N, C-alpha and C. Protein backbone atom coordinates (compact mmCIF):
# COMPACT_ATOMS: atom_id res chain seq x y z
N MET A 1 -27.79 -192.31 60.61
CA MET A 1 -28.24 -192.67 61.93
C MET A 1 -29.75 -192.84 61.97
N SER A 2 -30.52 -191.93 61.40
CA SER A 2 -31.97 -192.05 61.42
C SER A 2 -32.44 -193.25 60.60
N ASN A 3 -31.65 -193.62 59.58
CA ASN A 3 -32.00 -194.80 58.80
C ASN A 3 -31.84 -196.06 59.64
N ASP A 4 -30.82 -196.07 60.51
CA ASP A 4 -30.61 -197.22 61.39
C ASP A 4 -31.79 -197.43 62.32
N ILE A 5 -32.27 -196.36 62.94
CA ILE A 5 -33.37 -196.50 63.88
C ILE A 5 -34.66 -196.90 63.15
N MET A 6 -34.85 -196.42 61.95
CA MET A 6 -36.03 -196.80 61.19
C MET A 6 -35.98 -198.28 60.82
N GLN A 7 -34.82 -198.77 60.45
CA GLN A 7 -34.67 -200.19 60.14
C GLN A 7 -34.88 -201.03 61.40
N ASP A 8 -34.32 -200.59 62.52
CA ASP A 8 -34.51 -201.31 63.79
C ASP A 8 -35.97 -201.31 64.19
N LEU A 9 -36.64 -200.18 64.01
CA LEU A 9 -38.06 -200.07 64.33
C LEU A 9 -38.88 -201.03 63.49
N LYS A 10 -38.59 -201.07 62.20
CA LYS A 10 -39.32 -201.97 61.29
C LYS A 10 -39.12 -203.43 61.71
N THR A 11 -37.89 -203.79 62.04
CA THR A 11 -37.59 -205.16 62.46
C THR A 11 -38.30 -205.50 63.78
N GLU A 12 -38.25 -204.57 64.72
CA GLU A 12 -38.84 -204.81 66.05
C GLU A 12 -40.36 -204.93 65.96
N VAL A 13 -41.00 -204.02 65.26
CA VAL A 13 -42.46 -204.05 65.15
C VAL A 13 -42.90 -205.28 64.35
N GLY A 14 -42.15 -205.63 63.32
CA GLY A 14 -42.46 -206.83 62.56
C GLY A 14 -42.35 -208.08 63.43
N GLY A 15 -41.32 -208.15 64.26
CA GLY A 15 -41.17 -209.27 65.19
C GLY A 15 -42.29 -209.33 66.20
N MET A 16 -42.70 -208.16 66.69
CA MET A 16 -43.81 -208.12 67.64
C MET A 16 -45.10 -208.57 66.98
N ALA A 17 -45.31 -208.19 65.73
CA ALA A 17 -46.53 -208.59 65.02
C ALA A 17 -46.55 -210.08 64.76
N LYS A 18 -45.41 -210.67 64.43
CA LYS A 18 -45.36 -212.10 64.11
C LYS A 18 -45.40 -212.97 65.36
N GLN A 19 -44.67 -212.57 66.40
CA GLN A 19 -44.55 -213.42 67.59
C GLN A 19 -45.56 -213.10 68.67
N GLY A 20 -46.20 -211.97 68.59
CA GLY A 20 -47.21 -211.60 69.59
C GLY A 20 -46.61 -211.45 70.97
N MET A 21 -47.26 -212.05 71.96
CA MET A 21 -46.83 -211.92 73.36
C MET A 21 -45.52 -212.66 73.64
N ARG A 22 -45.07 -213.52 72.76
CA ARG A 22 -43.80 -214.23 72.97
C ARG A 22 -42.60 -213.34 72.68
N HIS A 23 -42.80 -212.24 71.97
CA HIS A 23 -41.69 -211.34 71.65
C HIS A 23 -41.30 -210.57 72.91
N PRO A 24 -40.00 -210.41 73.16
CA PRO A 24 -39.57 -209.76 74.40
C PRO A 24 -39.95 -208.28 74.52
N SER A 25 -40.28 -207.61 73.44
CA SER A 25 -40.63 -206.19 73.51
C SER A 25 -42.13 -205.96 73.70
N THR A 26 -42.95 -206.96 73.49
CA THR A 26 -44.39 -206.74 73.51
C THR A 26 -44.88 -206.31 74.88
N LYS A 27 -44.50 -207.02 75.93
CA LYS A 27 -45.01 -206.69 77.26
C LYS A 27 -44.56 -205.31 77.75
N PRO A 28 -43.29 -204.92 77.58
CA PRO A 28 -42.92 -203.57 78.01
C PRO A 28 -43.63 -202.47 77.22
N VAL A 29 -43.84 -202.69 75.93
CA VAL A 29 -44.52 -201.67 75.11
C VAL A 29 -45.99 -201.57 75.52
N LEU A 30 -46.64 -202.70 75.78
CA LEU A 30 -48.04 -202.66 76.23
C LEU A 30 -48.15 -202.04 77.62
N THR A 31 -47.18 -202.30 78.47
CA THR A 31 -47.17 -201.68 79.80
C THR A 31 -47.01 -200.17 79.67
N GLY A 32 -46.13 -199.73 78.79
CA GLY A 32 -45.97 -198.29 78.55
C GLY A 32 -47.23 -197.66 78.02
N ALA A 33 -47.94 -198.36 77.15
CA ALA A 33 -49.20 -197.85 76.61
C ALA A 33 -50.24 -197.73 77.72
N ALA A 34 -50.32 -198.73 78.60
CA ALA A 34 -51.29 -198.69 79.69
C ALA A 34 -50.98 -197.55 80.67
N ILE A 35 -49.72 -197.39 81.01
CA ILE A 35 -49.34 -196.31 81.92
C ILE A 35 -49.61 -194.95 81.29
N GLY A 36 -49.29 -194.82 80.00
CA GLY A 36 -49.57 -193.56 79.31
C GLY A 36 -51.05 -193.24 79.26
N ALA A 37 -51.88 -194.26 79.06
CA ALA A 37 -53.33 -194.04 79.03
C ALA A 37 -53.85 -193.59 80.39
N VAL A 38 -53.35 -194.20 81.45
CA VAL A 38 -53.78 -193.82 82.81
C VAL A 38 -53.32 -192.40 83.13
N VAL A 39 -52.10 -192.07 82.75
CA VAL A 39 -51.59 -190.71 83.01
C VAL A 39 -52.36 -189.69 82.17
N GLY A 40 -52.72 -190.05 80.95
CA GLY A 40 -53.42 -189.13 80.07
C GLY A 40 -54.88 -188.92 80.44
N TRP A 41 -55.44 -189.81 81.24
CA TRP A 41 -56.87 -189.72 81.57
C TRP A 41 -57.24 -188.40 82.26
N PRO A 42 -56.59 -187.99 83.34
CA PRO A 42 -57.03 -186.78 84.02
C PRO A 42 -56.49 -185.47 83.43
N LEU A 43 -55.51 -185.56 82.56
CA LEU A 43 -54.93 -184.34 82.01
C LEU A 43 -55.82 -183.76 80.91
N PRO A 44 -56.08 -182.47 80.97
CA PRO A 44 -57.03 -181.87 80.03
C PRO A 44 -56.53 -181.82 78.57
N LEU A 45 -55.23 -181.73 78.36
CA LEU A 45 -54.73 -181.59 76.99
C LEU A 45 -54.31 -182.92 76.37
N ILE A 46 -54.23 -183.97 77.17
CA ILE A 46 -53.79 -185.27 76.66
C ILE A 46 -54.90 -186.28 76.92
N SER A 47 -55.40 -186.88 75.87
CA SER A 47 -56.44 -187.89 76.03
C SER A 47 -55.78 -189.23 76.38
N PRO A 48 -56.56 -190.20 76.84
CA PRO A 48 -55.98 -191.52 77.11
C PRO A 48 -55.38 -192.17 75.87
N LEU A 49 -55.97 -191.94 74.71
CA LEU A 49 -55.42 -192.49 73.48
C LEU A 49 -54.06 -191.88 73.16
N ALA A 50 -53.94 -190.57 73.29
CA ALA A 50 -52.66 -189.92 73.04
C ALA A 50 -51.62 -190.37 74.08
N GLY A 51 -52.04 -190.51 75.33
CA GLY A 51 -51.14 -190.99 76.36
C GLY A 51 -50.65 -192.40 76.08
N ALA A 52 -51.55 -193.26 75.58
CA ALA A 52 -51.17 -194.63 75.24
C ALA A 52 -50.17 -194.65 74.10
N VAL A 53 -50.39 -193.84 73.10
CA VAL A 53 -49.47 -193.79 71.95
C VAL A 53 -48.10 -193.26 72.40
N ILE A 54 -48.11 -192.22 73.20
CA ILE A 54 -46.86 -191.65 73.69
C ILE A 54 -46.12 -192.66 74.58
N GLY A 55 -46.84 -193.31 75.48
CA GLY A 55 -46.22 -194.29 76.37
C GLY A 55 -45.65 -195.48 75.61
N ALA A 56 -46.40 -195.99 74.64
CA ALA A 56 -45.91 -197.12 73.84
C ALA A 56 -44.71 -196.70 73.00
N GLY A 57 -44.77 -195.52 72.43
CA GLY A 57 -43.64 -195.03 71.63
C GLY A 57 -42.39 -194.85 72.45
N PHE A 58 -42.55 -194.34 73.66
CA PHE A 58 -41.40 -194.15 74.54
C PHE A 58 -40.77 -195.49 74.91
N MET A 59 -41.59 -196.46 75.28
CA MET A 59 -41.06 -197.77 75.66
C MET A 59 -40.42 -198.47 74.46
N LEU A 60 -40.99 -198.33 73.29
CA LEU A 60 -40.39 -198.94 72.09
C LEU A 60 -39.04 -198.29 71.80
N TYR A 61 -38.97 -196.98 71.94
CA TYR A 61 -37.69 -196.29 71.74
C TYR A 61 -36.65 -196.76 72.75
N LYS A 62 -37.06 -196.91 74.01
CA LYS A 62 -36.13 -197.38 75.04
C LYS A 62 -35.69 -198.80 74.78
N ARG A 63 -36.51 -199.63 74.14
CA ARG A 63 -36.11 -200.98 73.78
C ARG A 63 -35.09 -200.95 72.64
N LEU A 64 -35.23 -200.00 71.74
CA LEU A 64 -34.32 -199.90 70.59
C LEU A 64 -33.01 -199.23 70.97
N ARG A 65 -33.07 -198.22 71.80
CA ARG A 65 -31.90 -197.44 72.20
C ARG A 65 -31.81 -197.35 73.71
N PRO A 66 -31.30 -198.39 74.37
CA PRO A 66 -31.27 -198.39 75.85
C PRO A 66 -30.35 -197.41 76.43
């Protein structure tokens, strides 16, 4: 099972890298990163960078496993 998600992740990220904004996952992942950065800004233990990474990772996971 974990091998499946890793293969799906590799395929999805590769598609996003090749197609850029035309890929259907790019906009939701960037939106998740932006929301995570905004949420992470005022929190003392989470920086905006960590919030962006967490938000993008969550949205990418939701794209892979709806």
